[in-house]
Amino acid sequence: MTQRPRMEIVIDRDKCMGAGQCVLAAPEVFDQHEQDGRALLLVERPDRSRLDAVLEARDTCPLSAIRLLTDAIDVTDVTDRRTPPTARHDRGIPGE
Protein backbone atom coordinates (compact mmCIF):
# COMPACT_ATOMS: atom_id res chain seq x y z
CA MET A 1 0.00 0.00 0.00
CA THR A 2 1.49 3.32 -1.05
CA GLN A 3 1.29 6.25 1.29
CA ARG A 4 -0.43 9.34 -0.10
CA PRO A 5 1.43 12.63 0.27
CA ARG A 6 0.40 14.77 3.22
CA MET A 7 -0.42 18.46 3.03
CA GLU A 8 1.00 20.99 5.41
CA ILE A 9 -0.20 24.57 5.59
CA VAL A 10 1.98 27.47 6.67
CA ILE A 11 0.58 30.94 7.37
CA ASP A 12 2.88 33.95 7.32
CA ARG A 13 1.18 35.92 10.09
CA ASP A 14 3.39 38.95 9.35
CA LYS A 15 1.83 39.12 5.86
CA CYS A 16 -1.74 38.32 6.92
CA MET A 17 -4.04 41.35 7.08
CA GLY A 18 -7.11 39.50 8.37
CA ALA A 19 -9.23 39.70 5.21
CA GLY A 20 -10.87 36.37 6.09
CA GLN A 21 -10.91 34.92 2.57
CA CYS A 22 -9.29 31.73 3.86
CA VAL A 23 -12.08 31.27 6.40
CA LEU A 24 -14.71 31.71 3.71
CA ALA A 25 -12.99 29.17 1.44
CA ALA A 26 -12.14 26.54 4.06
CA PRO A 27 -13.85 27.18 7.42
CA GLU A 28 -12.97 23.68 8.60
CA VAL A 29 -9.25 24.50 8.24
CA PHE A 30 -8.97 28.25 8.96
CA ASP A 31 -10.36 30.70 11.48
CA GLN A 32 -9.48 34.23 12.56
CA HIS A 33 -7.78 35.14 15.82
CA GLU A 34 -10.15 37.02 18.15
CA GLN A 35 -7.52 39.61 19.11
CA ASP A 36 -6.04 40.72 15.80
CA GLY A 37 -8.26 39.09 13.13
CA ARG A 38 -5.32 37.37 11.46
CA ALA A 39 -5.57 33.85 10.09
CA LEU A 40 -5.54 31.03 12.56
CA LEU A 41 -4.92 27.46 11.47
CA LEU A 42 -7.37 24.95 12.91
CA VAL A 43 -5.78 21.96 11.15
CA GLU A 44 -2.08 22.15 10.26
CA ARG A 45 -2.12 18.97 8.20
CA PRO A 46 -5.61 18.51 6.76
CA ASP A 47 -6.81 15.44 4.95
CA ARG A 48 -6.27 15.52 1.18
CA SER A 49 -10.02 15.64 0.70
CA ARG A 50 -9.74 19.30 1.70
CA LEU A 51 -7.18 20.10 -1.02
CA ASP A 52 -9.54 22.08 -3.26
CA ALA A 53 -10.76 24.24 -0.38
CA VAL A 54 -7.20 24.85 0.84
CA LEU A 55 -6.06 25.78 -2.67
CA GLU A 56 -8.95 28.22 -2.93
CA ALA A 57 -8.02 29.73 0.44
CA ARG A 58 -4.40 30.08 -0.66
CA ASP A 59 -5.34 31.56 -4.02
CA THR A 60 -7.84 34.09 -2.65
CA CYS A 61 -5.54 35.42 0.07
CA PRO A 62 -4.94 39.04 -0.98
CA LEU A 63 -1.39 39.09 0.39
CA SER A 64 -0.38 35.50 -0.43
CA ALA A 65 0.17 34.72 3.25
CA ILE A 66 -0.69 31.02 2.87
CA ARG A 67 1.78 28.41 1.67
CA LEU A 68 0.91 24.81 0.96
CA LEU A 69 3.49 22.07 1.28
CA THR A 70 3.08 18.43 0.43
CA ASP A 71 5.73 16.02 1.70
CA ALA A 72 8.33 18.80 1.91
CA ILE A 73 7.54 20.12 -1.59
CA ASP A 74 6.42 23.74 -1.55
CA VAL A 75 3.46 24.00 -3.91
CA THR A 76 2.84 27.66 -3.24
CA ASP A 77 3.09 28.59 -6.90
CA VAL A 78 1.41 25.50 -8.32
CA THR A 79 -1.85 26.40 -10.04
CA ASP A 80 -2.57 29.78 -8.62
CA ARG A 81 -6.29 30.03 -9.38
CA ARG A 82 -6.02 33.74 -9.96
CA THR A 83 -4.86 32.92 -13.49
CA PRO A 84 -7.52 32.93 -16.22
CA PRO A 85 -9.29 29.55 -16.67
CA THR A 86 -7.81 29.13 -20.15
CA ALA A 87 -4.29 29.41 -18.72
CA ARG A 88 -4.75 26.71 -16.06
CA HIS A 89 -2.85 23.47 -16.28
CA ASP A 90 -2.60 20.33 -14.23
CA ARG A 91 -1.80 21.11 -10.58
CA GLY A 92 1.20 18.82 -10.63
CA ILE A 93 0.61 17.83 -7.01
CA PRO A 94 2.64 14.64 -6.31
CA GLY A 95 0.46 11.60 -5.80
CA GLU A 96 -2.54 12.95 -7.64
PDB file of N, CA and C in Angstrom:
ATOM      1  N   MET A   1       0.837  -1.170   0.000  1.00  0.00           N
ATOM      2  CA  MET A   1       0.000   0.000   0.000  1.00  0.00           C
ATOM      3  C   MET A   1       0.890   1.243   0.000  1.00  0.00           C
ATOM      4  N   THR A   2       0.691   2.114  -0.971  1.00  0.00           N
ATOM      5  CA  THR A   2       1.495   3.320  -1.051  1.00  0.00           C
ATOM      6  C   THR A   2       0.876   4.413  -0.189  1.00  0.00           C
ATOM      7  N   GLN A   3       1.755   5.174   0.432  1.00  0.00           N
ATOM      8  CA  GLN A   3       1.292   6.248   1.292  1.00  0.00           C
ATOM      9  C   GLN A   3       1.041   7.497   0.448  1.00  0.00           C
ATOM     10  N   ARG A   4      -0.094   8.117   0.634  1.00  0.00           N
ATOM     11  CA  ARG A   4      -0.433   9.339  -0.100  1.00  0.00           C
ATOM     12  C   ARG A   4       0.306  10.511   0.536  1.00  0.00           C
ATOM     13  N   PRO A   5       0.738  11.457  -0.275  1.00  0.00           N
ATOM     14  CA  PRO A   5       1.427  12.626   0.269  1.00  0.00           C
ATOM     15  C   PRO A   5       0.526  13.390   1.240  1.00  0.00           C
ATOM     16  N   ARG A   6       1.146  13.977   2.248  1.00  0.00           N
ATOM     17  CA  ARG A   6       0.400  14.770   3.216  1.00  0.00           C
ATOM     18  C   ARG A   6       0.560  16.248   2.901  1.00  0.00           C
ATOM     19  N   MET A   7      -0.473  17.015   3.179  1.00  0.00           N
ATOM     20  CA  MET A   7      -0.422  18.457   3.031  1.00  0.00           C
ATOM     21  C   MET A   7      -0.008  19.084   4.352  1.00  0.00           C
ATOM     22  N   GLU A   8       0.711  20.172   4.244  1.00  0.00           N
ATOM     23  CA  GLU A   8       1.002  20.991   5.409  1.00  0.00           C
ATOM     24  C   GLU A   8       0.777  22.445   5.006  1.00  0.00           C
ATOM     25  N   ILE A   9       0.109  23.178   5.865  1.00  0.00           N
ATOM     26  CA  ILE A   9      -0.200  24.573   5.594  1.00  0.00           C
ATOM     27  C   ILE A   9       0.652  25.447   6.497  1.00  0.00           C
ATOM     28  N   VAL A  10       1.192  26.503   5.904  1.00  0.00           N
ATOM     29  CA  VAL A  10       1.979  27.467   6.669  1.00  0.00           C
ATOM     30  C   VAL A  10       1.388  28.855   6.411  1.00  0.00           C
ATOM     31  N   ILE A  11       1.098  29.578   7.479  1.00  0.00           N
ATOM     32  CA  ILE A  11       0.580  30.937   7.368  1.00  0.00           C
ATOM     33  C   ILE A  11       1.667  31.910   7.803  1.00  0.00           C
ATOM     34  N   ASP A  12       1.952  32.878   6.961  1.00  0.00           N
ATOM     35  CA  ASP A  12       2.877  33.950   7.318  1.00  0.00           C
ATOM     36  C   ASP A  12       2.053  35.036   8.007  1.00  0.00           C
ATOM     37  N   ARG A  13       2.031  34.989   9.331  1.00  0.00           N
ATOM     38  CA  ARG A  13       1.182  35.923  10.087  1.00  0.00           C
ATOM     39  C   ARG A  13       1.655  37.366   9.953  1.00  0.00           C
ATOM     40  N   ASP A  14       2.915  37.581   9.583  1.00  0.00           N
ATOM     41  CA  ASP A  14       3.386  38.946   9.349  1.00  0.00           C
ATOM     42  C   ASP A  14       2.762  39.531   8.083  1.00  0.00           C
ATOM     43  N   LYS A  15       2.465  38.668   7.111  1.00  0.00           N
ATOM     44  CA  LYS A  15       1.826  39.119   5.865  1.00  0.00           C
ATOM     45  C   LYS A  15       0.315  39.243   6.001  1.00  0.00           C
ATOM     46  N   CYS A  16      -0.282  38.391   6.805  1.00  0.00           N
ATOM     47  CA  CYS A  16      -1.742  38.323   6.916  1.00  0.00           C
ATOM     48  C   CYS A  16      -2.327  39.649   7.392  1.00  0.00           C
ATOM     49  N   MET A  17      -3.367  40.102   6.698  1.00  0.00           N
ATOM     50  CA  MET A  17      -4.036  41.349   7.079  1.00  0.00           C
ATOM     51  C   MET A  17      -5.426  41.104   7.671  1.00  0.00           C
ATOM     52  N   GLY A  18      -5.824  39.834   7.755  1.00  0.00           N
ATOM     53  CA  GLY A  18      -7.106  39.502   8.365  1.00  0.00           C
ATOM     54  C   GLY A  18      -8.303  39.687   7.461  1.00  0.00           C
ATOM     55  N   ALA A  19      -8.122  39.539   6.160  1.00  0.00           N
ATOM     56  CA  ALA A  19      -9.229  39.701   5.208  1.00  0.00           C
ATOM     57  C   ALA A  19     -10.296  38.618   5.369  1.00  0.00           C
ATOM     58  N   GLY A  20      -9.905  37.443   5.832  1.00  0.00           N
ATOM     59  CA  GLY A  20     -10.866  36.372   6.091  1.00  0.00           C
ATOM     60  C   GLY A  20     -11.242  35.530   4.893  1.00  0.00           C
ATOM     61  N   GLN A  21     -10.590  35.721   3.760  1.00  0.00           N
ATOM     62  CA  GLN A  21     -10.908  34.921   2.569  1.00  0.00           C
ATOM     63  C   GLN A  21     -10.638  33.439   2.805  1.00  0.00           C
ATOM     64  N   CYS A  22      -9.611  33.131   3.572  1.00  0.00           N
ATOM     65  CA  CYS A  22      -9.288  31.728   3.857  1.00  0.00           C
ATOM     66  C   CYS A  22     -10.410  31.064   4.654  1.00  0.00           C
ATOM     67  N   VAL A  23     -10.991  31.805   5.577  1.00  0.00           N
ATOM     68  CA  VAL A  23     -12.085  31.274   6.400  1.00  0.00           C
ATOM     69  C   VAL A  23     -13.316  31.015   5.542  1.00  0.00           C
ATOM     70  N   LEU A  24     -13.577  31.911   4.603  1.00  0.00           N
ATOM     71  CA  LEU A  24     -14.715  31.714   3.709  1.00  0.00           C
ATOM     72  C   LEU A  24     -14.514  30.496   2.813  1.00  0.00           C
ATOM     73  N   ALA A  25     -13.280  30.279   2.352  1.00  0.00           N
ATOM     74  CA  ALA A  25     -12.990  29.174   1.439  1.00  0.00           C
ATOM     75  C   ALA A  25     -12.907  27.821   2.147  1.00  0.00           C
ATOM     76  N   ALA A  26     -12.347  27.809   3.348  1.00  0.00           N
ATOM     77  CA  ALA A  26     -12.137  26.540   4.059  1.00  0.00           C
ATOM     78  C   ALA A  26     -12.338  26.739   5.566  1.00  0.00           C
ATOM     79  N   PRO A  27     -13.591  26.918   6.008  1.00  0.00           N
ATOM     80  CA  PRO A  27     -13.848  27.182   7.424  1.00  0.00           C
ATOM     81  C   PRO A  27     -13.488  26.016   8.346  1.00  0.00           C
ATOM     82  N   GLU A  28     -13.357  24.827   7.786  1.00  0.00           N
ATOM     83  CA  GLU A  28     -12.971  23.678   8.603  1.00  0.00           C
ATOM     84  C   GLU A  28     -11.458  23.635   8.834  1.00  0.00           C
ATOM     85  N   VAL A  29     -10.710  24.483   8.122  1.00  0.00           N
ATOM     86  CA  VAL A  29      -9.250  24.498   8.235  1.00  0.00           C
ATOM     87  C   VAL A  29      -8.744  25.813   8.832  1.00  0.00           C
ATOM     88  N   PHE A  30      -9.418  26.925   8.523  1.00  0.00           N
ATOM     89  CA  PHE A  30      -8.972  28.250   8.961  1.00  0.00           C
ATOM     90  C   PHE A  30     -10.015  28.940   9.827  1.00  0.00           C
ATOM     91  N   ASP A  31      -9.516  29.800  10.698  1.00  0.00           N
ATOM     92  CA  ASP A  31     -10.364  30.700  11.477  1.00  0.00           C
ATOM     93  C   ASP A  31      -9.590  32.008  11.617  1.00  0.00           C
ATOM     94  N   GLN A  32     -10.161  32.967  12.334  1.00  0.00           N
ATOM     95  CA  GLN A  32      -9.478  34.229  12.565  1.00  0.00           C
ATOM     96  C   GLN A  32      -9.294  34.432  14.058  1.00  0.00           C
ATOM     97  N   HIS A  33      -8.114  34.895  14.425  1.00  0.00           N
ATOM     98  CA  HIS A  33      -7.783  35.139  15.821  1.00  0.00           C
ATOM     99  C   HIS A  33      -8.681  36.244  16.369  1.00  0.00           C
ATOM    100  N   GLU A  34      -9.222  36.047  17.555  1.00  0.00           N
ATOM    101  CA  GLU A  34     -10.147  37.018  18.146  1.00  0.00           C
ATOM    102  C   GLU A  34      -9.488  38.365  18.405  1.00  0.00           C
ATOM    103  N   GLN A  35      -8.208  38.368  18.741  1.00  0.00           N
ATOM    104  CA  GLN A  35      -7.521  39.608  19.115  1.00  0.00           C
ATOM    105  C   GLN A  35      -7.165  40.488  17.926  1.00  0.00           C
ATOM    106  N   ASP A  36      -6.546  39.901  16.899  1.00  0.00           N
ATOM    107  CA  ASP A  36      -6.036  40.722  15.797  1.00  0.00           C
ATOM    108  C   ASP A  36      -6.680  40.424  14.440  1.00  0.00           C
ATOM    109  N   GLY A  37      -7.554  39.407  14.372  1.00  0.00           N
ATOM    110  CA  GLY A  37      -8.257  39.088  13.132  1.00  0.00           C
ATOM    111  C   GLY A  37      -7.432  38.334  12.107  1.00  0.00           C
ATOM    112  N   ARG A  38      -6.171  38.081  12.404  1.00  0.00           N
ATOM    113  CA  ARG A  38      -5.317  37.365  11.459  1.00  0.00           C
ATOM    114  C   ARG A  38      -5.674  35.888  11.413  1.00  0.00           C
ATOM    115  N   ALA A  39      -5.256  35.264  10.319  1.00  0.00           N
ATOM    116  CA  ALA A  39      -5.573  33.848  10.092  1.00  0.00           C
ATOM    117  C   ALA A  39      -5.048  32.963  11.216  1.00  0.00           C
ATOM    118  N   LEU A  40      -5.856  32.009  11.525  1.00  0.00           N
ATOM    119  CA  LEU A  40      -5.541  31.031  12.561  1.00  0.00           C
ATOM    120  C   LEU A  40      -5.783  29.655  11.957  1.00  0.00           C
ATOM    121  N   LEU A  41      -4.823  28.795  12.052  1.00  0.00           N
ATOM    122  CA  LEU A  41      -4.919  27.461  11.473  1.00  0.00           C
ATOM    123  C   LEU A  41      -5.572  26.510  12.460  1.00  0.00           C
ATOM    124  N   LEU A  42      -6.686  25.925  12.063  1.00  0.00           N
ATOM    125  CA  LEU A  42      -7.370  24.954  12.906  1.00  0.00           C
ATOM    126  C   LEU A  42      -6.784  23.560  12.723  1.00  0.00           C
ATOM    127  N   VAL A  43      -6.340  23.270  11.490  1.00  0.00           N
ATOM    128  CA  VAL A  43      -5.782  21.964  11.152  1.00  0.00           C
ATOM    129  C   VAL A  43      -4.508  22.194  10.344  1.00  0.00           C
ATOM    130  N   GLU A  44      -3.359  21.906  10.941  1.00  0.00           N
ATOM    131  CA  GLU A  44      -2.083  22.152  10.263  1.00  0.00           C
ATOM    132  C   GLU A  44      -1.853  21.208   9.091  1.00  0.00           C
ATOM    133  N   ARG A  45      -2.293  19.966   9.250  1.00  0.00           N
ATOM    134  CA  ARG A  45      -2.117  18.965   8.196  1.00  0.00           C
ATOM    135  C   ARG A  45      -3.468  18.333   7.864  1.00  0.00           C
ATOM    136  N   PRO A  46      -4.271  19.034   7.072  1.00  0.00           N
ATOM    137  CA  PRO A  46      -5.611  18.507   6.757  1.00  0.00           C
ATOM    138  C   PRO A  46      -5.559  17.310   5.823  1.00  0.00           C
ATOM    139  N   ASP A  47      -6.635  16.568   5.844  1.00  0.00           N
ATOM    140  CA  ASP A  47      -6.812  15.440   4.949  1.00  0.00           C
ATOM    141  C   ASP A  47      -6.818  15.943   3.502  1.00  0.00           C
ATOM    142  N   ARG A  48      -6.355  15.118   2.587  1.00  0.00           N
ATOM    143  CA  ARG A  48      -6.270  15.521   1.178  1.00  0.00           C
ATOM    144  C   ARG A  48      -7.645  15.793   0.568  1.00  0.00           C
ATOM    145  N   SER A  49      -8.682  15.341   1.212  1.00  0.00           N
ATOM    146  CA  SER A  49     -10.024  15.636   0.699  1.00  0.00           C
ATOM    147  C   SER A  49     -10.324  17.135   0.786  1.00  0.00           C
ATOM    148  N   ARG A  50      -9.552  17.857   1.554  1.00  0.00           N
ATOM    149  CA  ARG A  50      -9.735  19.301   1.702  1.00  0.00           C
ATOM    150  C   ARG A  50      -8.837  20.110   0.771  1.00  0.00           C
ATOM    151  N   LEU A  51      -8.147  19.433  -0.138  1.00  0.00           N
ATOM    152  CA  LEU A  51      -7.182  20.099  -1.018  1.00  0.00           C
ATOM    153  C   LEU A  51      -7.798  21.242  -1.809  1.00  0.00           C
ATOM    154  N   ASP A  52      -8.933  21.030  -2.442  1.00  0.00           N
ATOM    155  CA  ASP A  52      -9.540  22.083  -3.261  1.00  0.00           C
ATOM    156  C   ASP A  52      -9.878  23.316  -2.430  1.00  0.00           C
ATOM    157  N   ALA A  53     -10.418  23.117  -1.244  1.00  0.00           N
ATOM    158  CA  ALA A  53     -10.758  24.244  -0.377  1.00  0.00           C
ATOM    159  C   ALA A  53      -9.500  24.975   0.090  1.00  0.00           C
ATOM    160  N   VAL A  54      -8.458  24.233   0.404  1.00  0.00           N
ATOM    161  CA  VAL A  54      -7.202  24.847   0.844  1.00  0.00           C
ATOM    162  C   VAL A  54      -6.554  25.621  -0.306  1.00  0.00           C
ATOM    163  N   LEU A  55      -6.598  25.063  -1.508  1.00  0.00           N
ATOM    164  CA  LEU A  55      -6.061  25.778  -2.671  1.00  0.00           C
ATOM    165  C   LEU A  55      -6.839  27.066  -2.913  1.00  0.00           C
ATOM    166  N   GLU A  56      -8.148  27.010  -2.761  1.00  0.00           N
ATOM    167  CA  GLU A  56      -8.952  28.216  -2.928  1.00  0.00           C
ATOM    168  C   GLU A  56      -8.590  29.255  -1.870  1.00  0.00           C
ATOM    169  N   ALA A  57      -8.407  28.812  -0.637  1.00  0.00           N
ATOM    170  CA  ALA A  57      -8.017  29.727   0.437  1.00  0.00           C
ATOM    171  C   ALA A  57      -6.668  30.370   0.125  1.00  0.00           C
ATOM    172  N   ARG A  58      -5.729  29.562  -0.308  1.00  0.00           N
ATOM    173  CA  ARG A  58      -4.402  30.081  -0.665  1.00  0.00           C
ATOM    174  C   ARG A  58      -4.501  31.087  -1.807  1.00  0.00           C
ATOM    175  N   ASP A  59      -5.269  30.742  -2.814  1.00  0.00           N
ATOM    176  CA  ASP A  59      -5.341  31.564  -4.024  1.00  0.00           C
ATOM    177  C   ASP A  59      -6.131  32.857  -3.826  1.00  0.00           C
ATOM    178  N   THR A  60      -7.043  32.886  -2.872  1.00  0.00           N
ATOM    179  CA  THR A  60      -7.837  34.092  -2.653  1.00  0.00           C
ATOM    180  C   THR A  60      -7.258  34.997  -1.579  1.00  0.00           C
ATOM    181  N   CYS A  61      -6.194  34.576  -0.935  1.00  0.00           N
ATOM    182  CA  CYS A  61      -5.542  35.416   0.067  1.00  0.00           C
ATOM    183  C   CYS A  61      -4.944  36.640  -0.626  1.00  0.00           C
ATOM    184  N   PRO A  62      -5.393  37.844  -0.270  1.00  0.00           N
ATOM    185  CA  PRO A  62      -4.943  39.041  -0.977  1.00  0.00           C
ATOM    186  C   PRO A  62      -3.444  39.322  -0.849  1.00  0.00           C
ATOM    187  N   LEU A  63      -2.812  38.831   0.205  1.00  0.00           N
ATOM    188  CA  LEU A  63      -1.387  39.093   0.390  1.00  0.00           C
ATOM    189  C   LEU A  63      -0.530  37.835   0.281  1.00  0.00           C
ATOM    190  N   SER A  64      -1.108  36.764  -0.239  1.00  0.00           N
ATOM    191  CA  SER A  64      -0.376  35.499  -0.425  1.00  0.00           C
ATOM    192  C   SER A  64       0.328  35.057   0.856  1.00  0.00           C
ATOM    193  N   ALA A  65      -0.399  35.081   1.949  1.00  0.00           N
ATOM    194  CA  ALA A  65       0.167  34.719   3.247  1.00  0.00           C
ATOM    195  C   ALA A  65       0.093  33.223   3.537  1.00  0.00           C
ATOM    196  N   ILE A  66      -0.526  32.460   2.648  1.00  0.00           N
ATOM    197  CA  ILE A  66      -0.694  31.018   2.872  1.00  0.00           C
ATOM    198  C   ILE A  66       0.196  30.247   1.914  1.00  0.00           C
ATOM    199  N   ARG A  67       0.971  29.326   2.486  1.00  0.00           N
ATOM    200  CA  ARG A  67       1.783  28.409   1.672  1.00  0.00           C
ATOM    201  C   ARG A  67       1.284  27.000   1.920  1.00  0.00           C
ATOM    202  N   LEU A  68       1.331  26.206   0.877  1.00  0.00           N
ATOM    203  CA  LEU A  68       0.906  24.814   0.958  1.00  0.00           C
ATOM    204  C   LEU A  68       2.097  23.946   0.611  1.00  0.00           C
ATOM    205  N   LEU A  69       2.395  23.009   1.501  1.00  0.00           N
ATOM    206  CA  LEU A  69       3.489  22.074   1.281  1.00  0.00           C
ATOM    207  C   LEU A  69       2.906  20.675   1.249  1.00  0.00           C
ATOM    208  N   THR A  70       3.485  19.826   0.432  1.00  0.00           N
ATOM    209  CA  THR A  70       3.082  18.429   0.429  1.00  0.00           C
ATOM    210  C   THR A  70       4.343  17.585   0.430  1.00  0.00           C
ATOM    211  N   ASP A  71       4.527  16.821   1.487  1.00  0.00           N
ATOM    212  CA  ASP A  71       5.730  16.018   1.698  1.00  0.00           C
ATOM    213  C   ASP A  71       6.998  16.787   1.355  1.00  0.00           C
ATOM    214  N   ALA A  72       7.151  17.949   2.003  1.00  0.00           N
ATOM    215  CA  ALA A  72       8.330  18.801   1.905  1.00  0.00           C
ATOM    216  C   ALA A  72       8.487  19.486   0.550  1.00  0.00           C
ATOM    217  N   ILE A  73       7.484  19.418  -0.314  1.00  0.00           N
ATOM    218  CA  ILE A  73       7.539  20.125  -1.589  1.00  0.00           C
ATOM    219  C   ILE A  73       6.631  21.337  -1.463  1.00  0.00           C
ATOM    220  N   ASP A  74       7.211  22.519  -1.649  1.00  0.00           N
ATOM    221  CA  ASP A  74       6.422  23.744  -1.547  1.00  0.00           C
ATOM    222  C   ASP A  74       5.625  23.900  -2.841  1.00  0.00           C
ATOM    223  N   VAL A  75       4.315  23.855  -2.738  1.00  0.00           N
ATOM    224  CA  VAL A  75       3.456  23.995  -3.915  1.00  0.00           C
ATOM    225  C   VAL A  75       2.748  25.344  -3.903  1.00  0.00           C
ATOM    226  N   THR A  76       3.417  26.330  -3.331  1.00  0.00           N
ATOM    227  CA  THR A  76       2.841  27.662  -3.240  1.00  0.00           C
ATOM    228  C   THR A  76       2.472  28.199  -4.608  1.00  0.00           C
ATOM    229  N   ASP A  77       3.330  28.012  -5.583  1.00  0.00           N
ATOM    230  CA  ASP A  77       3.090  28.587  -6.897  1.00  0.00           C
ATOM    231  C   ASP A  77       2.400  27.641  -7.871  1.00  0.00           C
ATOM    232  N   VAL A  78       2.053  26.452  -7.429  1.00  0.00           N
ATOM    233  CA  VAL A  78       1.406  25.497  -8.318  1.00  0.00           C
ATOM    234  C   VAL A  78      -0.065  25.857  -8.479  1.00  0.00           C
ATOM    235  N   THR A  79      -0.467  26.094  -9.685  1.00  0.00           N
ATOM    236  CA  THR A  79      -1.853  26.395 -10.043  1.00  0.00           C
ATOM    237  C   THR A  79      -2.468  27.468  -9.166  1.00  0.00           C
ATOM    238  N   ASP A  80      -1.945  28.644  -9.277  1.00  0.00           N
ATOM    239  CA  ASP A  80      -2.573  29.776  -8.618  1.00  0.00           C
ATOM    240  C   ASP A  80      -3.860  30.052  -9.376  1.00  0.00           C
ATOM    241  N   ARG A  81      -4.984  29.936  -8.709  1.00  0.00           N
ATOM    242  CA  ARG A  81      -6.286  30.033  -9.377  1.00  0.00           C
ATOM    243  C   ARG A  81      -6.646  31.453  -9.792  1.00  0.00           C
ATOM    244  N   ARG A  82      -5.758  32.387  -9.515  1.00  0.00           N
ATOM    245  CA  ARG A  82      -6.018  33.741  -9.959  1.00  0.00           C
ATOM    246  C   ARG A  82      -5.713  33.905 -11.441  1.00  0.00           C
ATOM    247  N   THR A  83      -5.125  32.871 -12.064  1.00  0.00           N
ATOM    248  CA  THR A  83      -4.859  32.921 -13.491  1.00  0.00           C
ATOM    249  C   THR A  83      -6.151  32.650 -14.238  1.00  0.00           C
ATOM    250  N   PRO A  84      -6.288  33.183 -15.458  1.00  0.00           N
ATOM    251  CA  PRO A  84      -7.518  32.930 -16.221  1.00  0.00           C
ATOM    252  C   PRO A  84      -7.730  31.440 -16.454  1.00  0.00           C
ATOM    253  N   PRO A  85      -8.996  30.980 -16.502  1.00  0.00           N
ATOM    254  CA  PRO A  85      -9.286  29.553 -16.670  1.00  0.00           C
ATOM    255  C   PRO A  85      -8.607  28.941 -17.889  1.00  0.00           C
ATOM    256  N   THR A  86      -8.440  29.690 -18.956  1.00  0.00           N
ATOM    257  CA  THR A  86      -7.812  29.130 -20.154  1.00  0.00           C
ATOM    258  C   THR A  86      -6.325  28.908 -19.962  1.00  0.00           C
ATOM    259  N   ALA A  87      -5.730  29.546 -18.943  1.00  0.00           N
ATOM    260  CA  ALA A  87      -4.294  29.408 -18.721  1.00  0.00           C
ATOM    261  C   ALA A  87      -3.973  28.333 -17.694  1.00  0.00           C
ATOM    262  N   ARG A  88      -4.984  27.723 -17.097  1.00  0.00           N
ATOM    263  CA  ARG A  88      -4.751  26.706 -16.059  1.00  0.00           C
ATOM    264  C   ARG A  88      -4.231  25.414 -16.682  1.00  0.00           C
ATOM    265  N   HIS A  89      -3.395  24.760 -15.891  1.00  0.00           N
ATOM    266  CA  HIS A  89      -2.848  23.467 -16.281  1.00  0.00           C
ATOM    267  C   HIS A  89      -2.986  22.521 -15.103  1.00  0.00           C
ATOM    268  N   ASP A  90      -2.572  21.313 -15.298  1.00  0.00           N
ATOM    269  CA  ASP A  90      -2.604  20.331 -14.231  1.00  0.00           C
ATOM    270  C   ASP A  90      -1.872  20.870 -13.005  1.00  0.00           C
ATOM    271  N   ARG A  91      -2.409  20.627 -11.822  1.00  0.00           N
ATOM    272  CA  ARG A  91      -1.797  21.108 -10.582  1.00  0.00           C
ATOM    273  C   ARG A  91      -0.385  20.582 -10.384  1.00  0.00           C
ATOM    274  N   GLY A  92      -0.125  19.384 -10.830  1.00  0.00           N
ATOM    275  CA  GLY A  92       1.197  18.817 -10.629  1.00  0.00           C
ATOM    276  C   GLY A  92       1.469  18.435  -9.180  1.00  0.00           C
ATOM    277  N   ILE A  93       0.436  18.224  -8.396  1.00  0.00           N
ATOM    278  CA  ILE A  93       0.611  17.830  -7.011  1.00  0.00           C
ATOM    279  C   ILE A  93       1.039  16.362  -6.994  1.00  0.00           C
ATOM    280  N   PRO A  94       2.178  16.040  -6.353  1.00  0.00           N
ATOM    281  CA  PRO A  94       2.635  14.644  -6.306  1.00  0.00           C
ATOM    282  C   PRO A  94       1.564  13.731  -5.713  1.00  0.00           C
ATOM    283  N   GLY A  95       1.404  12.590  -6.299  1.00  0.00           N
ATOM    284  CA  GLY A  95       0.463  11.598  -5.796  1.00  0.00           C
ATOM    285  C   GLY A  95      -0.952  11.749  -6.309  1.00  0.00           C
ATOM    286  N   GLU A  96      -1.204  12.741  -7.102  1.00  0.00           N
ATOM    287  CA  GLU A  96      -2.545  12.945  -7.637  1.00  0.00           C
ATOM    288  C   GLU A  96      -2.639  12.339  -9.023  1.00  0.00           C
TER     289      GLU A  96
END
